Protein backbone atom coordinates (compact mmCIF):
# COMPACT_ATOMS: atom_id res chain seq x y z
CA MET A 1 -34.16 0.95 -22.78
CA ILE A 2 -33.35 3.88 -19.96
CA ALA A 3 -34.81 6.78 -21.76
CA ALA A 4 -31.83 9.86 -22.00
CA VAL A 5 -31.25 12.22 -19.39
CA LYS A 6 -33.39 15.05 -19.18
CA GLY A 7 -34.21 17.76 -17.34
CA CYS A 8 -36.29 16.50 -14.15
CA PRO A 9 -39.22 18.20 -13.19
CA ALA A 10 -38.34 21.32 -10.96
CA VAL A 11 -40.42 20.07 -7.73
CA LEU A 12 -36.94 17.63 -7.06
CA SER A 13 -34.81 20.72 -5.98
CA ALA A 14 -37.91 21.32 -3.60
CA LEU A 15 -38.60 18.34 -1.99
CA LEU A 16 -35.20 18.15 -0.64
CA LEU A 17 -36.54 20.44 2.15
CA LEU A 18 -38.75 18.06 2.60
CA LEU A 19 -36.17 14.93 3.25
CA PRO A 20 -37.70 14.22 7.49
CA ARG A 21 -40.82 14.25 6.35
CA TYR A 22 -39.90 11.38 3.34
CA ARG A 23 -36.53 10.13 3.58
CA TRP A 24 -35.72 6.45 4.59
CA ALA A 25 -31.82 5.11 4.75
CA ALA A 26 -30.53 2.58 2.24
CA ASP A 27 -27.20 0.87 2.57
CA ASP A 28 -25.94 2.50 -1.43
CA LEU A 29 -26.94 4.25 -4.32
CA SER A 30 -27.53 0.72 -6.02
CA ALA A 31 -29.64 -0.22 -2.83
CA ALA A 32 -31.48 3.06 -3.15
CA ALA A 33 -32.10 3.02 -6.66
CA ARG A 34 -33.78 -1.12 -6.48
CA GLU A 35 -35.44 -0.04 -4.06
CA LEU A 36 -37.54 3.32 -5.64
CA ALA A 37 -37.71 0.96 -8.78
CA ARG A 38 -39.96 -1.50 -6.45
CA LYS A 39 -41.84 1.39 -5.58
CA THR A 40 -41.88 2.21 -9.32
CA ALA A 41 -43.49 -0.63 -10.18
CA ALA A 42 -46.33 -0.81 -8.13
CA PHE A 43 -47.21 2.56 -7.93
CA ALA A 44 -46.96 1.88 -12.20
CA GLY A 45 -48.94 -1.61 -12.42
CA ARG A 46 -47.55 -4.62 -12.87
CA GLY A 47 -46.67 -5.36 -16.84
CA GLU A 48 -47.24 -1.31 -17.36
CA PRO A 49 -44.56 0.74 -19.49
CA VAL A 50 -42.96 3.54 -17.30
CA SER A 51 -40.83 6.17 -18.25
CA VAL A 52 -37.71 6.59 -17.08
CA SER A 53 -35.24 9.69 -16.26
CA TRP A 54 -32.39 10.57 -14.65
CA ARG A 55 -30.05 13.55 -13.52
CA ASN A 56 -26.92 13.88 -11.71
CA LEU A 57 -26.77 16.93 -9.34
CA SER A 58 -23.74 15.55 -7.14
CA GLY A 59 -20.15 14.81 -6.93
CA LEU A 60 -20.70 10.87 -8.30
CA GLY A 61 -19.27 10.24 -11.68
CA ALA A 62 -20.68 8.48 -14.56
CA ALA A 63 -19.87 5.29 -13.58
CA GLU A 64 -21.85 5.33 -10.42
CA LEU A 65 -24.71 6.70 -12.45
CA ALA A 66 -24.56 4.00 -14.80
CA GLN A 67 -24.19 1.44 -12.02
CA ALA A 68 -27.45 3.06 -10.62
CA ARG A 69 -29.80 3.41 -13.76
CA THR A 70 -28.93 -0.59 -14.04
CA ALA A 71 -29.90 -1.53 -10.77
CA PHE A 72 -32.96 0.55 -11.17
CA ASP A 73 -33.75 -1.35 -14.67
CA SER A 74 -32.94 -4.62 -13.28
CA ALA A 75 -35.40 -4.34 -9.99
CA LEU A 76 -37.96 -2.63 -12.55
CA ARG A 77 -38.02 -5.96 -14.46
CA GLU A 78 -37.83 -8.14 -11.39
CA ALA A 79 -41.25 -6.42 -10.70
CA GLY A 80 -42.92 -6.47 -13.35
CA ALA A 81 -42.54 -3.63 -14.81
CA ARG A 82 -40.69 -2.42 -17.94
CA ALA A 83 -38.42 0.90 -18.92
CA THR A 84 -39.58 2.45 -22.47
CA ASP A 85 -40.36 5.46 -23.56
CA VAL A 86 -43.14 3.90 -25.90
CA ALA A 87 -46.56 4.62 -24.71
CA PRO A 88 -46.18 4.54 -20.87
CA VAL A 89 -48.99 4.75 -18.33
CA ALA A 90 -46.12 6.71 -15.69
CA GLU A 91 -43.32 8.72 -15.41
CA ALA A 92 -40.31 8.43 -12.96
CA HIS A 93 -37.94 11.39 -12.62
CA LEU A 94 -34.85 10.59 -10.64
CA ALA A 95 -32.20 12.81 -9.55
CA ILE A 96 -29.16 12.17 -7.20
CA SER A 97 -28.28 14.78 -4.74
CA GLU A 98 -26.00 15.24 -1.94
CA ASN A 99 -24.99 17.63 1.23
CA GLN A 100 -21.79 17.68 3.52
CA SER A 101 -23.08 14.16 5.62
CA GLN A 102 -24.94 12.18 2.62
CA TYR A 103 -26.28 11.48 -0.81
CA LEU A 104 -29.94 11.99 -1.69
CA LEU A 105 -31.94 9.44 -4.57
CA VAL A 106 -35.31 11.64 -5.29
CA GLU A 107 -37.66 10.32 -7.23
CA GLU A 108 -41.05 11.68 -8.23
CA ALA A 109 -43.66 9.17 -9.63
CA ARG A 110 -46.53 10.40 -11.74
CA LYS A 111 -49.57 8.64 -13.27
CA GLY A 112 -52.11 10.41 -14.60
CA ASP A 113 -53.38 12.60 -11.94
CA GLU A 114 -51.73 10.69 -9.60
CA ARG A 115 -48.52 11.75 -8.17
CA GLN A 116 -45.91 10.33 -5.63
CA VAL A 117 -42.56 11.48 -4.15
CA TRP A 118 -39.67 8.98 -2.60
CA ILE A 119 -36.24 9.89 -0.78
CA ALA A 120 -33.35 7.65 0.11
CA SER A 121 -30.63 8.48 1.36
CA TRP A 122 -27.42 6.80 2.55
CA ARG A 123 -23.64 7.82 4.24
CA ARG A 124 -21.37 10.50 2.20
CA VAL A 125 -17.82 8.60 1.93
CA ALA A 126 -15.23 11.59 3.04
CA SER A 127 -13.33 12.50 -0.14
CA THR A 128 -10.25 13.82 1.31
CA THR A 129 -6.97 12.10 0.78
CA ALA A 130 -4.41 11.51 3.70
CA PRO A 131 -0.86 13.75 3.11
CA GLY A 132 2.06 11.57 1.52
CA VAL A 133 0.54 8.17 1.28
CA ASN A 134 0.61 7.03 -2.50
CA LEU A 135 0.65 3.91 -4.36
CA GLU A 136 3.57 2.85 -6.02
CA ARG A 137 2.88 0.33 -8.86
CA LYS A 138 5.58 -2.29 -10.70
CA LEU A 139 5.42 -4.58 -13.40
CA LEU A 140 6.33 -8.01 -12.11
CA TRP A 141 5.02 -9.74 -15.50
CA GLU A 142 3.52 -9.98 -18.75
CA GLN A 143 1.84 -12.65 -21.82
CA ALA A 144 -0.59 -12.94 -23.67
CA ASP A 145 -1.87 -15.59 -21.98
CA PRO A 146 -4.14 -15.09 -18.87
CA ILE A 147 -2.74 -14.56 -15.69
CA LEU A 148 -5.06 -15.95 -12.93
CA ASP A 149 -2.46 -14.44 -9.88
CA VAL A 150 1.31 -14.22 -9.13
CA VAL A 151 3.67 -15.02 -6.26
CA PRO A 152 6.87 -13.83 -5.61
CA ASN A 153 9.17 -16.41 -3.53
CA GLY A 154 12.68 -14.58 -2.59
CA ASN A 155 14.25 -13.38 -6.22
CA ASP A 156 11.85 -15.99 -8.21
CA LEU A 157 8.68 -15.46 -9.30
CA LEU A 158 5.64 -17.70 -9.33
CA VAL A 159 2.63 -17.67 -12.27
CA LEU A 160 -0.45 -19.27 -12.28
CA SER A 161 -2.44 -19.49 -15.56
CA PRO A 162 -4.99 -21.84 -17.08
CA ALA A 163 -3.00 -24.08 -18.66
CA GLY A 164 -0.31 -24.30 -15.47
CA VAL A 165 2.36 -22.93 -13.43
CA LEU A 166 5.41 -21.11 -14.80
CA LEU A 167 8.40 -20.27 -12.74
CA ARG A 168 10.86 -17.66 -13.42
CA GLY A 169 14.08 -17.45 -11.68
CA GLU A 170 17.65 -16.85 -11.48
CA ARG A 171 18.33 -20.06 -12.62
CA GLY A 172 15.89 -19.64 -15.61
CA SER A 173 12.14 -20.71 -16.20
CA GLN A 174 10.44 -24.27 -15.14
CA SER A 175 6.84 -24.95 -15.93
CA ALA A 176 4.20 -27.25 -14.94
CA SER A 177 0.73 -28.07 -16.61
CA ILE A 178 -2.87 -28.39 -15.30
CA THR A 179 -5.00 -30.92 -16.58
CA PRO A 180 -8.98 -29.75 -15.81
CA VAL A 181 -11.08 -32.16 -14.60
CA ARG A 182 -13.98 -30.11 -16.00
CA PRO A 183 -13.98 -27.40 -18.64
CA TRP A 184 -12.88 -24.16 -16.69
CA PRO A 185 -15.80 -21.99 -15.95
CA ARG A 186 -16.26 -18.79 -18.15
CA ASP A 187 -14.74 -16.50 -16.16
CA LEU A 188 -11.74 -18.46 -14.16
CA ARG A 189 -10.20 -17.36 -11.15
CA GLY A 190 -7.40 -18.86 -9.23
CA HIS A 191 -5.23 -18.51 -6.60
CA LEU A 192 -1.32 -19.07 -5.60
CA ARG A 193 -0.32 -19.50 -1.99
CA ILE A 194 3.64 -19.94 -0.96
CA THR A 195 3.52 -22.51 2.13
CA ALA A 196 5.87 -24.32 4.40
CA GLY A 197 7.34 -26.85 2.01
CA GLY A 198 6.80 -25.16 -1.44
CA PHE A 199 3.13 -24.00 -2.84
CA LYS A 200 -0.63 -24.36 -3.05
CA VAL A 201 -2.88 -23.65 -5.94
CA ASN A 202 -7.00 -23.17 -5.69
CA LEU A 203 -8.89 -23.76 -8.56
CA PRO A 204 -12.75 -24.21 -9.26
CA GLY A 205 -13.34 -28.00 -8.00
CA MET A 206 -9.64 -28.19 -7.83
CA SER A 207 -6.70 -28.15 -5.36
CA CYS A 208 -2.77 -28.64 -6.34
CA ASN A 209 0.09 -29.01 -3.85
CA GLY A 210 3.52 -27.88 -5.85
CA THR A 211 7.18 -28.28 -4.98
CA PHE A 212 10.27 -26.38 -6.24
CA GLU A 213 12.86 -28.84 -5.24
CA PRO A 214 14.26 -30.71 -7.29
CA GLY A 215 12.07 -29.27 -9.43
CA LEU A 216 8.85 -27.88 -10.23
CA THR A 217 6.38 -29.98 -9.68
CA LEU A 218 2.49 -29.91 -9.48
CA ASP A 219 0.23 -33.29 -7.73
CA CYS A 220 -3.09 -31.89 -8.36
CA HIS A 221 -6.61 -33.41 -7.23
CA ALA A 222 -10.57 -32.82 -8.20
CA ILE A 223 -11.63 -31.87 -4.89
CA ASP A 224 -14.43 -29.09 -3.22
CA GLU A 225 -11.75 -27.55 -1.03
CA LEU A 226 -11.74 -24.12 0.94
CA TRP A 227 -9.73 -21.51 -0.50
CA THR A 228 -6.99 -20.67 1.75
CA ILE A 229 -7.11 -16.66 2.06
CA ASP A 230 -4.33 -14.66 3.41
CA ALA A 231 -5.72 -12.24 6.29
CA GLY A 232 -2.60 -10.38 7.19
CA SER A 233 -2.09 -10.70 11.24
CA ARG A 234 -4.84 -12.39 11.79
CA GLY A 235 -3.96 -15.58 9.90
CA ILE A 236 -6.00 -17.33 7.26
CA LEU A 237 -9.26 -17.68 6.27
CA LEU A 238 -11.02 -20.31 4.27
CA ALA A 239 -13.82 -19.72 1.76
CA GLY A 240 -15.64 -21.95 -0.42
CA PHE A 241 -15.48 -21.37 -3.63
CA ALA A 242 -18.56 -21.81 -6.27
CA PRO A 243 -16.83 -24.51 -9.31
CA ALA A 244 -19.09 -23.28 -11.55
CA ARG A 245 -19.41 -19.87 -10.98
CA ASN A 246 -16.89 -16.95 -10.39
CA TYR A 247 -17.71 -15.88 -7.05
CA PHE A 248 -17.30 -17.14 -3.44
CA ASP A 249 -20.41 -19.07 -2.31
CA GLY A 250 -20.63 -17.76 1.43
CA ARG A 251 -19.35 -20.81 3.26
CA VAL A 252 -16.35 -19.07 5.50
CA VAL A 253 -13.63 -20.58 8.38
CA THR A 254 -13.05 -17.69 10.50
CA PRO A 255 -8.93 -17.36 11.19
CA ALA A 256 -10.13 -18.74 14.54
CA GLY A 257 -11.72 -22.01 13.03
CA VAL A 258 -15.23 -20.64 13.75
CA ARG A 259 -17.53 -21.37 10.65
CA LYS A 260 -19.96 -18.59 9.38
CA SER A 261 -22.35 -18.78 6.53
CA VAL A 262 -22.56 -15.25 4.65
CA ALA A 263 -23.63 -13.56 1.55
CA ASN A 264 -22.19 -14.77 -1.96
CA PHE A 265 -19.20 -12.51 -2.83
CA TYR A 266 -16.23 -11.95 -5.12
CA SER A 267 -13.24 -10.51 -2.88
CA ILE A 268 -12.79 -10.18 0.74
CA ALA A 269 -10.44 -8.18 3.05
CA ALA A 270 -9.46 -7.52 6.35
CA VAL A 271 -9.09 -3.92 7.81
CA GLU A 272 -9.13 -2.29 10.95
CA ASP A 273 -11.21 0.86 12.70
CA GLN A 274 -9.21 2.63 14.97
CA GLY A 275 -7.55 -1.33 16.48
CA HIS A 276 -10.99 -3.11 15.90
CA PRO A 277 -11.42 -5.68 13.68
CA TYR A 278 -13.56 -5.74 10.72
CA TRP A 279 -14.33 -7.65 7.32
CA MET A 280 -15.06 -5.98 3.85
CA LEU A 281 -16.74 -8.27 1.38
CA ALA A 282 -17.36 -7.37 -2.26
CA LEU A 283 -20.69 -8.74 -2.69
CA VAL A 284 -22.04 -10.35 -6.14
CA ASP A 285 -25.23 -8.08 -5.83
CA GLY A 286 -22.82 -5.10 -6.30
CA ARG A 287 -22.79 -3.87 -2.84
CA THR A 288 -19.97 -3.86 -0.42
CA GLN A 289 -20.36 -4.73 3.05
CA ILE A 290 -19.11 -4.45 6.37
CA LEU A 291 -18.80 -7.12 9.31
CA ASP A 292 -17.01 -7.22 12.36
CA ALA A 293 -15.11 -9.43 14.11
CA ASN A 294 -17.83 -12.32 14.58
CA PHE A 295 -19.12 -12.20 10.46
CA ASP A 296 -21.98 -10.21 11.46
CA PRO A 297 -23.56 -7.06 9.75
CA ALA A 298 -22.06 -4.06 11.17
CA GLY A 299 -22.87 -1.46 7.82
CA SER A 300 -21.80 -1.50 3.96
CA VAL A 301 -20.30 1.13 1.42
CA GLY A 302 -20.27 1.90 -2.31
CA PRO A 303 -20.58 1.73 -4.96
CA TRP A 304 -17.63 -0.13 -5.07
CA GLY A 305 -15.69 -2.42 -7.89
CA SER A 306 -16.12 -5.98 -7.26
CA ASP A 307 -12.12 -6.65 -6.46
CA LEU A 308 -10.81 -5.62 -2.47
CA ALA A 309 -7.93 -6.48 -1.54
CA ALA A 310 -5.95 -5.46 2.32
CA THR A 311 -2.60 -4.36 3.20
CA GLU A 312 -0.92 -3.72 6.88
CA ALA A 313 1.16 -0.31 6.01
CA ARG A 314 -0.14 1.08 8.85
CA CYS A 315 -1.02 4.57 6.99
CA ALA A 316 -2.92 7.06 8.76
CA GLY A 317 -3.43 5.56 11.88
CA GLY A 318 -4.29 2.10 10.47
CA THR A 319 -4.48 -0.82 7.66
CA GLN A 320 -6.01 -0.09 4.51
CA VAL A 321 -7.75 -1.46 1.87
CA LEU A 322 -7.88 -1.08 -1.96
CA SER A 323 -10.70 -1.45 -4.16
CA THR A 324 -11.07 -1.64 -7.82
CA LYS A 325 -13.59 0.94 -9.30
CA PRO A 326 -17.72 0.27 -9.74
CA GLY A 327 -19.05 -0.08 -13.69
CA ASP A 328 -18.25 -1.90 -17.19
CA SER A 329 -15.47 -4.45 -16.91
CA ARG A 330 -14.40 -4.07 -19.93
CA GLU A 331 -13.04 -0.66 -19.37
CA PRO A 332 -9.79 0.69 -18.14
CA ASP A 333 -9.44 0.39 -14.07
CA THR A 334 -8.67 2.30 -11.02
CA LEU A 335 -7.00 1.29 -7.59
CA ARG A 336 -7.51 3.30 -4.66
CA ALA A 337 -6.64 2.84 -0.59
CA TRP A 338 -8.92 3.26 2.29
CA SER A 339 -9.28 3.53 5.54
CA LEU A 340 -11.88 2.71 7.86
CA VAL A 341 -12.86 5.39 10.36
CA ASN A 342 -16.10 4.73 12.75
CA ARG A 343 -17.64 2.14 9.90
CA ALA A 344 -17.35 4.68 7.34
CA PRO A 345 -14.72 4.70 4.54
CA VAL A 346 -12.04 7.59 4.18
CA ALA A 347 -9.86 8.00 1.34
CA LEU A 348 -5.73 7.90 1.45
CA THR A 349 -5.01 7.94 -2.16
CA PRO A 350 -6.84 9.75 -5.13
CA PRO A 351 -7.37 6.80 -8.04
CA MET A 352 -4.71 5.57 -9.85
CA ASP A 353 -5.14 4.77 -13.32
CA LEU A 354 -4.77 1.37 -14.79
CA PRO A 355 -4.31 0.59 -18.57
CA GLY A 356 -6.99 -1.99 -18.35
CA PRO A 357 -9.50 -3.88 -16.71
CA VAL A 358 -8.59 -5.70 -13.14
CA THR A 359 -8.80 -9.04 -13.46
CA ALA A 360 -7.97 -10.77 -9.87
CA LEU A 361 -6.63 -8.54 -6.92
CA TRP A 362 -5.01 -10.63 -4.26
CA SER A 363 -3.35 -9.51 -0.99
CA LEU A 364 0.21 -10.36 -0.66
CA GLY A 365 1.07 -9.86 3.00
CA GLY A 366 2.95 -6.08 4.30
CA ALA A 367 2.04 -3.25 2.41
CA SER A 368 1.45 -4.57 -1.11
CA VAL A 369 -1.30 -6.35 -3.24
CA ILE A 370 -0.74 -8.06 -6.24
CA ALA A 371 -3.47 -6.68 -9.35
CA ILE A 372 -3.85 -8.58 -13.07
CA VAL A 373 -4.63 -6.27 -15.41
CA HIS A 374 -5.89 -6.89 -19.04
CA ASP A 375 -3.94 -4.31 -21.09
CA LEU A 376 -6.25 -2.78 -23.58
CA THR A 377 -3.74 -1.57 -25.47
CA THR A 378 -1.54 -4.23 -26.09
CA GLY A 379 -3.84 -6.97 -25.76
CA LEU A 380 -1.25 -8.81 -22.83
CA TYR A 381 -2.28 -10.36 -19.34
CA SER A 382 -0.01 -7.55 -16.92
CA ALA A 383 0.67 -8.76 -13.13
CA TYR A 384 1.71 -5.59 -10.84
CA LEU A 385 3.04 -5.57 -7.35
CA ILE A 386 0.99 -2.62 -5.89
CA THR A 387 2.28 -1.02 -2.55
CA VAL A 388 1.19 1.48 -0.17
CA VAL A 389 3.52 4.22 0.50
CA CYS A 390 2.98 5.96 3.86
CA GLY A 391 3.82 9.62 3.88
CA ALA A 392 6.41 11.20 6.70
């Protein structure tokens, strides 16, 4: 286990003066922590115990600090060392600091009379919000069983759960069951999309076509089909889903029909930066990566959560991406709207508190997204329409 946070040596503050000599750039806090962990393991020696302490001198919250500690501890083990207070051969004292443009992770490592200092920096996310821009929340549906996705269809509401599809409307309720071809994975995900002749359901290893007339029907087949993800005015994106897991496997087909291969990701959002198209991916390794229109790397941000979705409300001169917070998926979540300016995220709204963790977040088109929340107070799964409202 990682040692409790104690006061770091006073030398860490003085080390900030040495930034030009010792600093290198990292993508985000987790990447910086992993890189320092690898250096620490090499310094301590393979299999050797290391005492680790942390101090947060920045404005980052407890969730970000916990994410950094987890990333450091995991990378330390992967590199062959181990974090413990029992008979350590080396000590690692880490501190997170910041200035106006960047965050800093500073480490002083000691082993006997030897001493090493490493400093990593990454770009600071703008923290100001846009005047008058807000997130509005409307409860659409709630139930005891898990909800995978919800889509409004005129005055009706289509609800996807592991057992099937429910249609709630002015003419009452209809349902159609889904029989999985193999046991569902532990963290089941599914996606609904309204089509010209009805609706489409994507599930791990399965695809279903549905109709509304003369009644609700479903025709499902076992198939490794790419999932269809709405990309707003850009059209649709096709993405391959790992059938036995809960993430996309990196196979994508762009709206222009070009096949690309990217890192494994949980979610993807289309966003603009001063009129230029970009994609943002919540990667499985915890980073949020920015890709250009050709799906080539163009930067990264973080730490963010694993759920992203885009809107086209055109607030503050561009589109938005909504993100969950990083940290424990068993705790209440938040949603926040961001814009992209010079490939750096700028917060448009303060965080919106939710009654539980977000289990699914899907772009709906226009100014809204669908958020599925597991309410920790009631135990119910709640589907919310989250809308970005621009200021005057």
